[in-house]
Amino acid sequence: MILFNKPFGVLSQFTDRGTEGSARPTLSRYVDVKGVYPAGRLDRDSEGLLVLTDDGRLQARIADPRHKRPKTYLVQVEGTPDEASLEALRRGVVLKDGPTRPARARLIAPPALWPRDPPVRFRKSVPDAWLELSLTEGRNRQVRRMCAHVGLPCLRLVRWSVGDWTLDGIAPGTWRRV
């Protein structure tokens, strides 16, 4: 099993099945281990922890919401969260594809993260804040959609942990075996 810190802009797959001639970076640029596959995905514009394994059963258990393995995200949002917004995230919100499970949500101080390339846009007239969100499901772009639903568009999204595995000590674009 491998813990990989996926940089911004990298696809969560080993080959790019996109348009012909595209040169989007994939996992193969960073991970040179044969036979491992991601347990779950991160969008191209998200960063952080990807768990890769060669064990198909383990891969399914990590990704399947029935096992309720929490995934924790550090989220920079546009705006200033109030208690009502945080409480809505904690209760779960109703998205177009149905209600979400309740999440752990709290306002945090800006975390000591690596700089993002390209940098997050900064606007003097619009404040931003950081949230820590923990989910036990993983729908397509769920964190972004939940935050937008409560009026807090995501500027930066970093998955910090999956269960007990964290990014601690893993620089962007690097990995370690566990």
N, C-alpha and C. Protein backbone atom coordinates (compact mmCIF):
# COMPACT_ATOMS: atom_id res chain seq x y z
N MET A 1 0.85 -1.17 0.00
CA MET A 1 0.00 0.00 0.00
C MET A 1 0.90 1.24 0.00
N ILE A 2 0.44 2.25 -0.73
CA ILE A 2 1.21 3.49 -0.90
C ILE A 2 0.32 4.67 -0.53
N LEU A 3 0.91 5.63 0.20
CA LEU A 3 0.26 6.90 0.47
C LEU A 3 0.94 7.94 -0.40
N PHE A 4 0.17 8.61 -1.25
CA PHE A 4 0.69 9.56 -2.23
C PHE A 4 0.07 10.92 -2.00
N ASN A 5 0.88 11.97 -2.03
CA ASN A 5 0.38 13.34 -1.93
C ASN A 5 0.20 13.87 -3.35
N LYS A 6 -1.03 13.80 -3.84
CA LYS A 6 -1.34 14.20 -5.21
C LYS A 6 -1.31 15.72 -5.34
N PRO A 7 -0.46 16.23 -6.23
CA PRO A 7 -0.44 17.67 -6.45
C PRO A 7 -1.67 18.15 -7.23
N PHE A 8 -1.93 19.43 -7.14
CA PHE A 8 -2.97 20.09 -7.93
C PHE A 8 -2.71 19.83 -9.42
N GLY A 9 -3.76 19.56 -10.17
CA GLY A 9 -3.64 19.39 -11.62
C GLY A 9 -3.32 18.00 -12.10
N VAL A 10 -3.10 17.06 -11.19
CA VAL A 10 -2.75 15.69 -11.56
C VAL A 10 -4.03 14.84 -11.55
N LEU A 11 -4.20 14.01 -12.59
CA LEU A 11 -5.34 13.10 -12.65
C LEU A 11 -5.11 11.93 -11.70
N SER A 12 -6.17 11.43 -11.07
CA SER A 12 -6.09 10.30 -10.14
C SER A 12 -6.15 8.97 -10.88
N GLN A 13 -5.38 8.85 -11.92
CA GLN A 13 -5.30 7.62 -12.72
C GLN A 13 -3.92 7.57 -13.37
N PHE A 14 -3.56 6.40 -13.89
CA PHE A 14 -2.23 6.23 -14.44
C PHE A 14 -2.13 6.60 -15.91
N THR A 15 -3.25 6.67 -16.61
CA THR A 15 -3.23 7.09 -18.01
C THR A 15 -4.30 8.16 -18.21
N ASP A 16 -4.08 9.00 -19.19
CA ASP A 16 -5.04 10.06 -19.51
C ASP A 16 -5.94 9.58 -20.63
N ARG A 17 -7.20 9.36 -20.31
CA ARG A 17 -8.16 8.91 -21.31
C ARG A 17 -8.92 10.09 -21.89
N GLY A 18 -8.38 11.28 -21.74
CA GLY A 18 -9.03 12.49 -22.22
C GLY A 18 -8.89 12.65 -23.72
N THR A 19 -9.01 13.87 -24.15
CA THR A 19 -8.95 14.15 -25.58
C THR A 19 -7.57 13.81 -26.15
N GLU A 20 -7.58 13.42 -27.39
CA GLU A 20 -6.35 13.05 -28.06
C GLU A 20 -5.39 14.24 -28.09
N GLY A 21 -4.14 13.98 -27.78
CA GLY A 21 -3.14 15.02 -27.79
C GLY A 21 -3.04 15.79 -26.47
N SER A 22 -3.89 15.46 -25.50
CA SER A 22 -3.80 16.16 -24.21
C SER A 22 -2.56 15.65 -23.47
N ALA A 23 -2.00 16.50 -22.68
CA ALA A 23 -0.79 16.14 -21.95
C ALA A 23 -0.99 16.40 -20.46
N ARG A 24 -2.14 15.98 -19.94
CA ARG A 24 -2.40 16.21 -18.52
C ARG A 24 -1.57 15.23 -17.69
N PRO A 25 -0.98 15.71 -16.60
CA PRO A 25 -0.17 14.80 -15.77
C PRO A 25 -1.04 13.77 -15.07
N THR A 26 -0.49 12.56 -14.95
CA THR A 26 -1.19 11.45 -14.31
C THR A 26 -0.30 10.88 -13.20
N LEU A 27 -0.81 9.88 -12.50
CA LEU A 27 -0.06 9.24 -11.42
C LEU A 27 1.24 8.63 -11.92
N SER A 28 1.26 8.19 -13.19
CA SER A 28 2.46 7.53 -13.71
C SER A 28 3.68 8.46 -13.72
N ARG A 29 3.47 9.75 -13.68
CA ARG A 29 4.58 10.70 -13.61
C ARG A 29 5.26 10.66 -12.24
N TYR A 30 4.55 10.17 -11.22
CA TYR A 30 5.04 10.24 -9.84
C TYR A 30 5.25 8.89 -9.17
N VAL A 31 4.43 7.90 -9.54
CA VAL A 31 4.47 6.60 -8.87
C VAL A 31 4.92 5.55 -9.87
N ASP A 32 6.09 4.96 -9.61
CA ASP A 32 6.66 3.98 -10.54
C ASP A 32 6.52 2.54 -10.02
N VAL A 33 5.44 2.28 -9.33
CA VAL A 33 5.18 0.94 -8.79
C VAL A 33 4.09 0.29 -9.64
N LYS A 34 4.37 -0.90 -10.14
CA LYS A 34 3.41 -1.60 -11.00
C LYS A 34 2.32 -2.27 -10.17
N GLY A 35 1.11 -2.30 -10.73
CA GLY A 35 0.03 -3.06 -10.14
C GLY A 35 -0.73 -2.41 -9.00
N VAL A 36 -0.47 -1.14 -8.71
CA VAL A 36 -1.24 -0.46 -7.67
C VAL A 36 -2.25 0.48 -8.32
N TYR A 37 -3.38 0.64 -7.64
CA TYR A 37 -4.45 1.48 -8.15
C TYR A 37 -5.03 2.31 -7.02
N PRO A 38 -5.57 3.50 -7.34
CA PRO A 38 -6.12 4.34 -6.27
C PRO A 38 -7.39 3.75 -5.66
N ALA A 39 -7.48 3.87 -4.34
CA ALA A 39 -8.69 3.49 -3.60
C ALA A 39 -9.47 4.79 -3.41
N GLY A 40 -10.32 5.10 -4.36
CA GLY A 40 -11.01 6.38 -4.36
C GLY A 40 -10.29 7.34 -5.30
N ARG A 41 -10.86 8.52 -5.44
CA ARG A 41 -10.32 9.49 -6.38
C ARG A 41 -10.26 10.86 -5.74
N LEU A 42 -9.48 11.71 -6.34
CA LEU A 42 -9.46 13.14 -6.04
C LEU A 42 -9.56 13.85 -7.38
N ASP A 43 -10.37 14.88 -7.44
CA ASP A 43 -10.49 15.65 -8.68
C ASP A 43 -9.14 16.25 -9.05
N ARG A 44 -9.00 16.57 -10.31
CA ARG A 44 -7.77 17.17 -10.80
C ARG A 44 -7.43 18.45 -10.06
N ASP A 45 -8.46 19.23 -9.68
CA ASP A 45 -8.20 20.50 -9.01
C ASP A 45 -8.19 20.37 -7.49
N SER A 46 -8.10 19.15 -6.98
CA SER A 46 -7.94 18.91 -5.55
C SER A 46 -6.55 18.32 -5.31
N GLU A 47 -6.09 18.45 -4.09
CA GLU A 47 -4.75 17.97 -3.73
C GLU A 47 -4.88 17.01 -2.56
N GLY A 48 -3.79 16.32 -2.29
CA GLY A 48 -3.73 15.58 -1.05
C GLY A 48 -3.65 14.08 -1.16
N LEU A 49 -4.08 13.42 -0.09
CA LEU A 49 -3.84 12.00 0.10
C LEU A 49 -4.64 11.11 -0.84
N LEU A 50 -3.90 10.30 -1.57
CA LEU A 50 -4.46 9.20 -2.35
C LEU A 50 -3.84 7.92 -1.81
N VAL A 51 -4.67 6.95 -1.50
CA VAL A 51 -4.19 5.64 -1.07
C VAL A 51 -4.19 4.74 -2.29
N LEU A 52 -3.04 4.13 -2.58
CA LEU A 52 -2.93 3.20 -3.71
C LEU A 52 -2.60 1.83 -3.17
N THR A 53 -3.21 0.80 -3.75
CA THR A 53 -2.98 -0.56 -3.28
C THR A 53 -3.07 -1.54 -4.45
N ASP A 54 -2.47 -2.70 -4.25
CA ASP A 54 -2.60 -3.79 -5.23
C ASP A 54 -3.63 -4.81 -4.79
N ASP A 55 -4.31 -4.55 -3.67
CA ASP A 55 -5.31 -5.45 -3.11
C ASP A 55 -6.71 -4.94 -3.47
N GLY A 56 -7.37 -5.59 -4.41
CA GLY A 56 -8.68 -5.14 -4.88
C GLY A 56 -9.73 -5.10 -3.78
N ARG A 57 -9.71 -6.07 -2.88
CA ARG A 57 -10.69 -6.08 -1.78
C ARG A 57 -10.47 -4.90 -0.84
N LEU A 58 -9.20 -4.63 -0.53
CA LEU A 58 -8.88 -3.49 0.33
C LEU A 58 -9.26 -2.18 -0.37
N GLN A 59 -8.98 -2.11 -1.66
CA GLN A 59 -9.33 -0.92 -2.45
C GLN A 59 -10.83 -0.65 -2.34
N ALA A 60 -11.64 -1.66 -2.48
CA ALA A 60 -13.09 -1.51 -2.39
C ALA A 60 -13.53 -1.11 -0.98
N ARG A 61 -12.91 -1.69 0.04
CA ARG A 61 -13.28 -1.34 1.43
C ARG A 61 -12.95 0.10 1.75
N ILE A 62 -11.81 0.59 1.26
CA ILE A 62 -11.42 1.98 1.54
C ILE A 62 -12.39 2.94 0.87
N ALA A 63 -12.78 2.65 -0.35
CA ALA A 63 -13.62 3.56 -1.13
C ALA A 63 -15.10 3.45 -0.80
N ASP A 64 -15.56 2.31 -0.29
CA ASP A 64 -16.98 2.07 -0.08
C ASP A 64 -17.51 2.80 1.16
N PRO A 65 -18.53 3.66 0.99
CA PRO A 65 -19.07 4.40 2.14
C PRO A 65 -19.72 3.51 3.20
N ARG A 66 -20.06 2.28 2.88
CA ARG A 66 -20.65 1.38 3.88
C ARG A 66 -19.68 1.11 5.04
N HIS A 67 -18.38 1.23 4.78
CA HIS A 67 -17.38 0.98 5.82
C HIS A 67 -17.09 2.21 6.66
N LYS A 68 -17.69 3.34 6.27
CA LYS A 68 -17.63 4.58 7.05
C LYS A 68 -16.22 5.00 7.45
N ARG A 69 -15.25 4.77 6.58
CA ARG A 69 -13.89 5.21 6.84
C ARG A 69 -13.85 6.73 6.62
N PRO A 70 -13.61 7.52 7.67
CA PRO A 70 -13.66 8.98 7.49
C PRO A 70 -12.53 9.49 6.62
N LYS A 71 -12.87 10.46 5.82
CA LYS A 71 -11.90 11.17 4.99
C LYS A 71 -11.95 12.63 5.43
N THR A 72 -10.80 13.18 5.82
CA THR A 72 -10.74 14.54 6.34
C THR A 72 -10.09 15.46 5.33
N TYR A 73 -10.73 16.59 5.12
CA TYR A 73 -10.31 17.58 4.13
C TYR A 73 -10.04 18.91 4.82
N LEU A 74 -9.00 19.60 4.35
CA LEU A 74 -8.74 20.98 4.74
C LEU A 74 -9.21 21.82 3.56
N VAL A 75 -10.13 22.73 3.82
CA VAL A 75 -10.82 23.43 2.74
C VAL A 75 -10.71 24.94 2.94
N GLN A 76 -10.10 25.60 1.98
CA GLN A 76 -10.09 27.07 1.99
C GLN A 76 -11.33 27.52 1.24
N VAL A 77 -12.16 28.31 1.90
CA VAL A 77 -13.41 28.76 1.30
C VAL A 77 -13.41 30.27 1.16
N GLU A 78 -14.20 30.73 0.21
CA GLU A 78 -14.41 32.16 0.02
C GLU A 78 -15.56 32.57 0.92
N GLY A 79 -15.34 33.59 1.74
CA GLY A 79 -16.36 34.04 2.66
C GLY A 79 -16.00 33.70 4.09
N THR A 80 -16.86 34.09 4.99
CA THR A 80 -16.66 33.84 6.41
C THR A 80 -17.77 32.92 6.91
N PRO A 81 -17.43 31.69 7.27
CA PRO A 81 -18.46 30.76 7.74
C PRO A 81 -19.07 31.24 9.05
N ASP A 82 -20.38 31.11 9.15
CA ASP A 82 -21.04 31.39 10.43
C ASP A 82 -21.48 30.05 11.02
N GLU A 83 -21.98 30.09 12.23
CA GLU A 83 -22.36 28.86 12.91
C GLU A 83 -23.47 28.12 12.17
N ALA A 84 -24.38 28.88 11.53
CA ALA A 84 -25.48 28.24 10.79
C ALA A 84 -24.94 27.43 9.61
N SER A 85 -23.92 27.95 8.91
CA SER A 85 -23.31 27.22 7.79
C SER A 85 -22.63 25.95 8.28
N LEU A 86 -21.89 26.08 9.36
CA LEU A 86 -21.19 24.91 9.90
C LEU A 86 -22.19 23.86 10.40
N GLU A 87 -23.26 24.32 11.03
CA GLU A 87 -24.28 23.39 11.54
C GLU A 87 -24.98 22.67 10.38
N ALA A 88 -25.23 23.38 9.28
CA ALA A 88 -25.85 22.74 8.11
C ALA A 88 -24.94 21.62 7.58
N LEU A 89 -23.63 21.87 7.52
CA LEU A 89 -22.69 20.84 7.08
C LEU A 89 -22.69 19.67 8.06
N ARG A 90 -22.77 19.96 9.34
CA ARG A 90 -22.77 18.91 10.36
C ARG A 90 -24.01 18.03 10.27
N ARG A 91 -25.14 18.63 9.94
CA ARG A 91 -26.39 17.86 9.82
C ARG A 91 -26.45 17.09 8.51
N GLY A 92 -25.78 17.60 7.49
CA GLY A 92 -25.90 17.07 6.13
C GLY A 92 -26.79 18.01 5.34
N VAL A 93 -26.48 18.16 4.07
CA VAL A 93 -27.25 19.05 3.21
C VAL A 93 -27.88 18.24 2.09
N VAL A 94 -28.87 18.80 1.44
CA VAL A 94 -29.53 18.11 0.33
C VAL A 94 -28.95 18.66 -0.97
N LEU A 95 -28.28 17.79 -1.70
CA LEU A 95 -27.71 18.14 -3.00
C LEU A 95 -28.63 17.58 -4.09
N LYS A 96 -28.32 17.88 -5.34
CA LYS A 96 -29.16 17.40 -6.45
C LYS A 96 -29.27 15.88 -6.47
N ASP A 97 -28.22 15.18 -6.01
CA ASP A 97 -28.26 13.72 -6.00
C ASP A 97 -28.69 13.16 -4.64
N GLY A 98 -29.32 13.99 -3.81
CA GLY A 98 -29.88 13.53 -2.55
C GLY A 98 -29.15 14.07 -1.33
N PRO A 99 -29.66 13.72 -0.15
CA PRO A 99 -29.05 14.23 1.08
C PRO A 99 -27.69 13.59 1.35
N THR A 100 -26.81 14.39 1.92
CA THR A 100 -25.50 13.88 2.32
C THR A 100 -25.57 13.36 3.74
N ARG A 101 -24.64 12.52 4.09
CA ARG A 101 -24.53 12.10 5.49
C ARG A 101 -24.01 13.29 6.30
N PRO A 102 -24.29 13.31 7.59
CA PRO A 102 -23.72 14.37 8.42
C PRO A 102 -22.19 14.34 8.34
N ALA A 103 -21.59 15.52 8.46
CA ALA A 103 -20.13 15.65 8.41
C ALA A 103 -19.65 16.29 9.71
N ARG A 104 -18.41 16.04 10.04
CA ARG A 104 -17.78 16.84 11.09
C ARG A 104 -17.25 18.08 10.41
N ALA A 105 -17.58 19.25 10.93
CA ALA A 105 -17.17 20.50 10.31
C ALA A 105 -16.76 21.49 11.38
N ARG A 106 -15.59 22.10 11.18
CA ARG A 106 -15.18 23.14 12.11
C ARG A 106 -14.28 24.14 11.42
N LEU A 107 -14.33 25.36 11.92
CA LEU A 107 -13.46 26.43 11.44
C LEU A 107 -12.08 26.20 12.04
N ILE A 108 -11.01 26.35 11.23
CA ILE A 108 -9.65 26.15 11.74
C ILE A 108 -8.78 27.34 11.32
N ALA A 109 -7.65 27.47 11.98
CA ALA A 109 -6.65 28.47 11.57
C ALA A 109 -6.05 28.01 10.25
N PRO A 110 -5.55 28.94 9.43
CA PRO A 110 -4.91 28.51 8.18
C PRO A 110 -3.82 27.49 8.45
N PRO A 111 -3.90 26.31 7.82
CA PRO A 111 -2.90 25.27 8.07
C PRO A 111 -1.56 25.60 7.40
N ALA A 112 -0.50 25.02 7.92
CA ALA A 112 0.84 25.20 7.35
C ALA A 112 1.00 24.19 6.20
N LEU A 113 0.53 24.57 5.02
CA LEU A 113 0.61 23.71 3.84
C LEU A 113 1.65 24.25 2.88
N TRP A 114 2.03 23.44 1.95
CA TRP A 114 2.92 23.82 0.86
C TRP A 114 2.20 24.84 -0.02
N PRO A 115 2.95 25.68 -0.74
CA PRO A 115 2.29 26.60 -1.68
C PRO A 115 1.68 25.82 -2.83
N ARG A 116 0.55 26.28 -3.31
CA ARG A 116 -0.09 25.61 -4.44
C ARG A 116 0.40 26.23 -5.73
N ASP A 117 0.57 25.40 -6.75
CA ASP A 117 0.98 25.86 -8.07
C ASP A 117 -0.08 25.42 -9.07
N PRO A 118 -0.85 26.35 -9.64
CA PRO A 118 -0.77 27.81 -9.48
C PRO A 118 -1.39 28.24 -8.15
N PRO A 119 -1.01 29.44 -7.68
CA PRO A 119 -1.54 29.92 -6.41
C PRO A 119 -3.05 30.14 -6.47
N VAL A 120 -3.67 30.08 -5.30
CA VAL A 120 -5.10 30.38 -5.17
C VAL A 120 -5.27 31.87 -5.42
N ARG A 121 -6.35 32.21 -6.12
CA ARG A 121 -6.60 33.63 -6.38
C ARG A 121 -6.89 34.35 -5.07
N PHE A 122 -6.40 35.54 -4.94
CA PHE A 122 -6.60 36.34 -3.73
C PHE A 122 -7.36 37.60 -4.09
N ARG A 123 -8.42 37.88 -3.34
CA ARG A 123 -9.19 39.11 -3.57
C ARG A 123 -9.26 39.89 -2.26
N LYS A 124 -8.77 41.13 -2.30
CA LYS A 124 -8.74 41.96 -1.10
C LYS A 124 -10.13 42.20 -0.53
N SER A 125 -11.13 42.27 -1.39
CA SER A 125 -12.47 42.63 -0.94
C SER A 125 -13.30 41.44 -0.44
N VAL A 126 -12.79 40.22 -0.61
CA VAL A 126 -13.55 39.03 -0.18
C VAL A 126 -12.69 38.23 0.80
N PRO A 127 -13.18 38.08 2.04
CA PRO A 127 -12.40 37.30 3.00
C PRO A 127 -12.42 35.81 2.65
N ASP A 128 -11.47 35.08 3.21
CA ASP A 128 -11.50 33.63 3.07
C ASP A 128 -11.23 33.01 4.43
N ALA A 129 -11.53 31.74 4.54
CA ALA A 129 -11.37 31.03 5.81
C ALA A 129 -11.03 29.57 5.50
N TRP A 130 -10.62 28.86 6.52
CA TRP A 130 -10.31 27.43 6.38
C TRP A 130 -11.25 26.61 7.25
N LEU A 131 -11.70 25.50 6.68
CA LEU A 131 -12.54 24.54 7.39
C LEU A 131 -11.83 23.19 7.41
N GLU A 132 -12.15 22.40 8.42
CA GLU A 132 -11.79 20.99 8.43
C GLU A 132 -13.11 20.25 8.33
N LEU A 133 -13.24 19.44 7.29
CA LEU A 133 -14.46 18.66 7.06
C LEU A 133 -14.11 17.18 7.03
N SER A 134 -14.86 16.38 7.76
CA SER A 134 -14.67 14.92 7.72
C SER A 134 -15.97 14.28 7.25
N LEU A 135 -15.85 13.45 6.21
CA LEU A 135 -16.99 12.78 5.60
C LEU A 135 -16.80 11.27 5.67
N THR A 136 -17.92 10.56 5.62
CA THR A 136 -17.85 9.09 5.55
C THR A 136 -18.44 8.58 4.24
N GLU A 137 -18.58 9.46 3.28
CA GLU A 137 -19.00 9.07 1.93
C GLU A 137 -18.15 9.87 0.96
N GLY A 138 -18.21 9.55 -0.29
CA GLY A 138 -17.34 10.23 -1.24
C GLY A 138 -17.99 10.38 -2.61
N ARG A 139 -18.98 11.22 -2.69
CA ARG A 139 -19.61 11.47 -3.98
C ARG A 139 -18.75 12.38 -4.84
N ASN A 140 -19.07 12.42 -6.10
CA ASN A 140 -18.35 13.27 -7.04
C ASN A 140 -18.40 14.74 -6.58
N ARG A 141 -17.24 15.32 -6.36
CA ARG A 141 -17.09 16.73 -5.98
C ARG A 141 -17.93 17.11 -4.75
N GLN A 142 -18.12 16.16 -3.86
CA GLN A 142 -19.03 16.35 -2.73
C GLN A 142 -18.64 17.50 -1.82
N VAL A 143 -17.38 17.60 -1.43
CA VAL A 143 -16.98 18.68 -0.52
C VAL A 143 -17.24 20.03 -1.17
N ARG A 144 -16.86 20.17 -2.42
CA ARG A 144 -17.09 21.44 -3.12
C ARG A 144 -18.58 21.77 -3.20
N ARG A 145 -19.39 20.76 -3.51
CA ARG A 145 -20.83 21.00 -3.64
C ARG A 145 -21.47 21.32 -2.29
N MET A 146 -21.04 20.65 -1.23
CA MET A 146 -21.58 20.93 0.10
C MET A 146 -21.24 22.36 0.53
N CYS A 147 -19.99 22.75 0.34
CA CYS A 147 -19.58 24.11 0.73
C CYS A 147 -20.32 25.15 -0.09
N ALA A 148 -20.45 24.93 -1.39
CA ALA A 148 -21.19 25.88 -2.24
C ALA A 148 -22.64 25.97 -1.79
N HIS A 149 -23.22 24.85 -1.38
CA HIS A 149 -24.61 24.81 -0.95
C HIS A 149 -24.86 25.74 0.24
N VAL A 150 -23.86 25.89 1.11
CA VAL A 150 -24.01 26.78 2.27
C VAL A 150 -23.39 28.15 2.02
N GLY A 151 -23.11 28.46 0.75
CA GLY A 151 -22.63 29.79 0.38
C GLY A 151 -21.14 30.02 0.59
N LEU A 152 -20.36 28.95 0.58
CA LEU A 152 -18.92 29.05 0.80
C LEU A 152 -18.15 28.35 -0.32
N PRO A 153 -17.98 29.00 -1.47
CA PRO A 153 -17.26 28.35 -2.57
C PRO A 153 -15.82 27.97 -2.18
N CYS A 154 -15.39 26.80 -2.64
CA CYS A 154 -14.03 26.30 -2.33
C CYS A 154 -12.99 27.01 -3.19
N LEU A 155 -11.94 27.42 -2.56
CA LEU A 155 -10.78 27.98 -3.25
C LEU A 155 -9.67 26.94 -3.34
N ARG A 156 -9.51 26.17 -2.30
CA ARG A 156 -8.48 25.12 -2.25
C ARG A 156 -9.02 23.96 -1.45
N LEU A 157 -8.73 22.74 -1.90
CA LEU A 157 -9.23 21.54 -1.25
C LEU A 157 -8.10 20.52 -1.15
N VAL A 158 -7.76 20.16 0.09
CA VAL A 158 -6.68 19.22 0.36
C VAL A 158 -7.23 18.08 1.22
N ARG A 159 -7.16 16.84 0.69
CA ARG A 159 -7.54 15.70 1.53
C ARG A 159 -6.35 15.39 2.41
N TRP A 160 -6.55 15.52 3.72
CA TRP A 160 -5.46 15.34 4.68
C TRP A 160 -5.35 13.90 5.16
N SER A 161 -6.51 13.23 5.31
CA SER A 161 -6.42 11.86 5.83
C SER A 161 -7.54 10.99 5.29
N VAL A 162 -7.26 9.69 5.32
CA VAL A 162 -8.24 8.64 5.02
C VAL A 162 -8.10 7.65 6.16
N GLY A 163 -9.13 7.58 7.01
CA GLY A 163 -9.02 6.76 8.21
C GLY A 163 -7.85 7.24 9.05
N ASP A 164 -6.95 6.32 9.41
CA ASP A 164 -5.78 6.66 10.22
C ASP A 164 -4.58 7.10 9.40
N TRP A 165 -4.66 6.99 8.08
CA TRP A 165 -3.53 7.39 7.24
C TRP A 165 -3.59 8.89 6.97
N THR A 166 -2.45 9.57 7.10
CA THR A 166 -2.42 11.02 6.88
C THR A 166 -1.29 11.40 5.94
N LEU A 167 -1.32 12.66 5.54
CA LEU A 167 -0.26 13.22 4.70
C LEU A 167 0.96 13.63 5.48
N ASP A 168 0.90 13.53 6.78
CA ASP A 168 1.99 14.01 7.62
C ASP A 168 3.34 13.50 7.12
N GLY A 169 4.23 14.42 6.78
CA GLY A 169 5.57 14.08 6.32
C GLY A 169 5.69 13.68 4.86
N ILE A 170 4.62 13.80 4.08
CA ILE A 170 4.67 13.42 2.66
C ILE A 170 4.53 14.70 1.82
N ALA A 171 5.58 15.08 1.16
CA ALA A 171 5.57 16.32 0.33
C ALA A 171 4.74 16.09 -0.93
N PRO A 172 4.23 17.16 -1.52
CA PRO A 172 3.47 17.02 -2.78
C PRO A 172 4.31 16.31 -3.85
N GLY A 173 3.66 15.36 -4.53
CA GLY A 173 4.32 14.61 -5.60
C GLY A 173 5.18 13.46 -5.11
N THR A 174 5.19 13.20 -3.79
CA THR A 174 5.98 12.10 -3.26
C THR A 174 5.05 11.10 -2.58
N TRP A 175 5.60 9.92 -2.29
CA TRP A 175 4.81 8.85 -1.69
C TRP A 175 5.67 8.04 -0.74
N ARG A 176 4.97 7.25 0.09
CA ARG A 176 5.68 6.30 0.94
C ARG A 176 4.84 5.04 1.07
N ARG A 177 5.54 3.92 1.29
CA ARG A 177 4.87 2.64 1.52
C ARG A 177 4.45 2.54 2.98
N VAL A 178 3.30 1.88 3.18
CA VAL A 178 2.85 1.60 4.55
C VAL A 178 2.53 0.12 4.67
